[in-house]
Protein backbone atom coordinates (compact mmCIF):
# COMPACT_ATOMS: atom_id res chain seq x y z
CA MET A 1 -22.87 -8.62 10.63
CA SER A 2 -24.34 -5.72 8.99
CA LYS A 3 -23.37 -4.52 5.42
CA ILE A 4 -21.55 -1.65 6.68
CA GLY A 5 -19.40 -3.78 8.95
CA GLN A 6 -18.61 -6.16 6.11
CA ASN A 7 -17.70 -3.18 3.82
CA ILE A 8 -15.26 -1.78 6.49
CA ILE A 9 -13.65 -5.40 6.83
CA VAL A 10 -13.13 -5.64 3.12
CA ILE A 11 -11.63 -1.91 2.80
CA LEU A 12 -9.25 -2.70 5.74
CA GLY A 13 -8.28 -5.98 4.05
CA ILE A 14 -7.67 -4.13 0.75
CA ILE A 15 -5.51 -1.52 2.69
CA LEU A 16 -3.56 -4.19 4.21
CA VAL A 17 -2.85 -5.85 0.88
CA VAL A 18 -1.79 -2.63 -0.81
CA PHE A 19 0.50 -1.89 2.19
CA THR A 20 2.07 -5.26 2.05
CA ALA A 21 2.48 -5.10 -1.80
CA TYR A 22 4.00 -1.65 -1.48
CA TYR A 23 6.45 -2.90 1.19
CA PHE A 24 7.60 -5.74 -0.73
CA PHE A 25 7.94 -3.87 -4.08
CA THR A 26 10.02 -1.04 -2.56
CA GLN A 27 12.53 -3.15 -0.89
CA GLU A 28 15.60 -3.84 -2.97
CA SER A 29 16.20 -7.30 -1.93
CA ALA A 30 13.30 -8.27 0.42
CA LEU A 31 12.37 -11.40 -1.53
CA GLY A 32 15.85 -12.35 -2.81
CA LEU A 33 17.34 -14.63 -0.32
CA ASN A 34 20.94 -15.26 -1.26
CA THR A 35 22.99 -17.77 0.40
CA GLY A 36 26.15 -16.17 -1.14
CA GLY A 37 25.31 -12.69 0.15
CA SER A 38 27.84 -10.53 2.23
CA GLU A 39 27.43 -10.08 5.83
CA GLN A 40 26.30 -6.54 5.28
CA GLU A 41 23.53 -7.81 2.94
CA LEU A 42 22.35 -10.30 5.56
CA GLN A 43 22.31 -7.50 8.37
CA GLN A 44 20.32 -5.23 6.11
CA LEU A 45 17.89 -8.10 5.36
CA LEU A 46 17.48 -8.79 9.14
CA GLN A 47 16.97 -5.09 9.76
CA SER A 48 14.14 -4.89 7.09
CA ALA A 49 12.60 -7.94 8.67
CA GLN A 50 12.58 -6.38 12.15
CA LEU A 51 11.29 -3.13 10.78
CA PHE A 52 8.54 -5.19 9.09
CA SER A 53 7.59 -7.04 12.24
CA GLU A 54 7.45 -3.82 14.28
CA ARG A 55 5.13 -2.07 11.73
CA GLN A 56 2.97 -5.15 11.68
CA ALA A 57 2.82 -5.29 15.47
CA SER A 58 1.89 -1.58 15.62
CA LEU A 59 -0.80 -2.17 12.97
CA ASN A 60 -2.15 -5.21 14.79
CA ALA A 61 -2.43 -2.97 18.07
CA ILE A 62 -4.77 -0.60 16.26
CA GLU A 63 -8.39 -0.95 17.50
CA LEU A 64 -11.16 0.76 15.55
CA ASN A 65 -14.21 2.03 17.30
CA THR A 66 -17.23 1.19 14.99
CA GLU A 67 -19.87 2.44 17.35
CA ILE A 68 -20.70 5.34 15.07
CA LEU A 69 -21.70 2.84 12.41
CA GLU A 70 -24.29 1.29 14.75
CA SER A 71 -25.95 4.52 15.95
CA GLU A 72 -29.36 5.49 15.05
CA ALA A 73 -28.24 8.80 13.31
CA PHE A 74 -25.86 7.02 10.88
CA ASN A 75 -28.38 4.36 10.18
CA SER A 76 -31.09 6.70 9.39
CA LEU A 77 -29.21 8.36 6.60
CA VAL A 78 -30.89 7.87 3.27
CA ASP A 79 -29.63 8.04 -0.24
CA PHE A 80 -31.41 10.71 -2.50
CA SER A 81 -29.37 10.32 -5.54
CA GLU A 82 -31.56 9.83 -8.72
CA GLU A 83 -31.09 6.77 -10.94
CA PRO A 84 -29.35 7.37 -14.19
CA LYS A 85 -31.76 7.92 -17.10
CA GLU A 86 -31.79 5.49 -20.15
CA PHE A 87 -29.76 6.80 -23.07
CA GLN A 88 -29.12 5.71 -26.63
CA VAL A 89 -26.02 3.70 -26.94
CA GLY A 90 -23.31 5.08 -29.51
CA ARG A 91 -22.11 3.21 -32.58
CA SER A 92 -22.06 -0.55 -32.54
CA ASP A 93 -18.34 -0.48 -33.60
CA PRO A 94 -16.58 2.76 -32.05
CA PHE A 95 -13.26 1.83 -34.01
CA LEU A 96 -14.59 2.24 -37.51
CA PRO A 97 -13.98 5.69 -38.97
CA PRO A 98 -16.97 8.10 -38.52
CA GLU A 99 -19.38 8.38 -41.41
CA SER A 100 -20.10 11.76 -42.91
């Protein structure tokens, strides 16, 4: 697999992790399973779980077309940026007060 394909897979993985973390941290009681909860709380938890599974199914159904990444025009792109020039490093301890 080419580097571009690997980069896309890594980026999609990061997006999936961020979405999952966002989902769990925004839910009030998504992780707190309580056996003494009321019927209303249990229904709300069930509804949240169903919503999550629906969203996961819709995300799993997405198919990305990566043909453009394999095209000759895309692969012929060249980076023309210049390498950074060497420069003198600042003070050895930046937390000391400046000397006059």
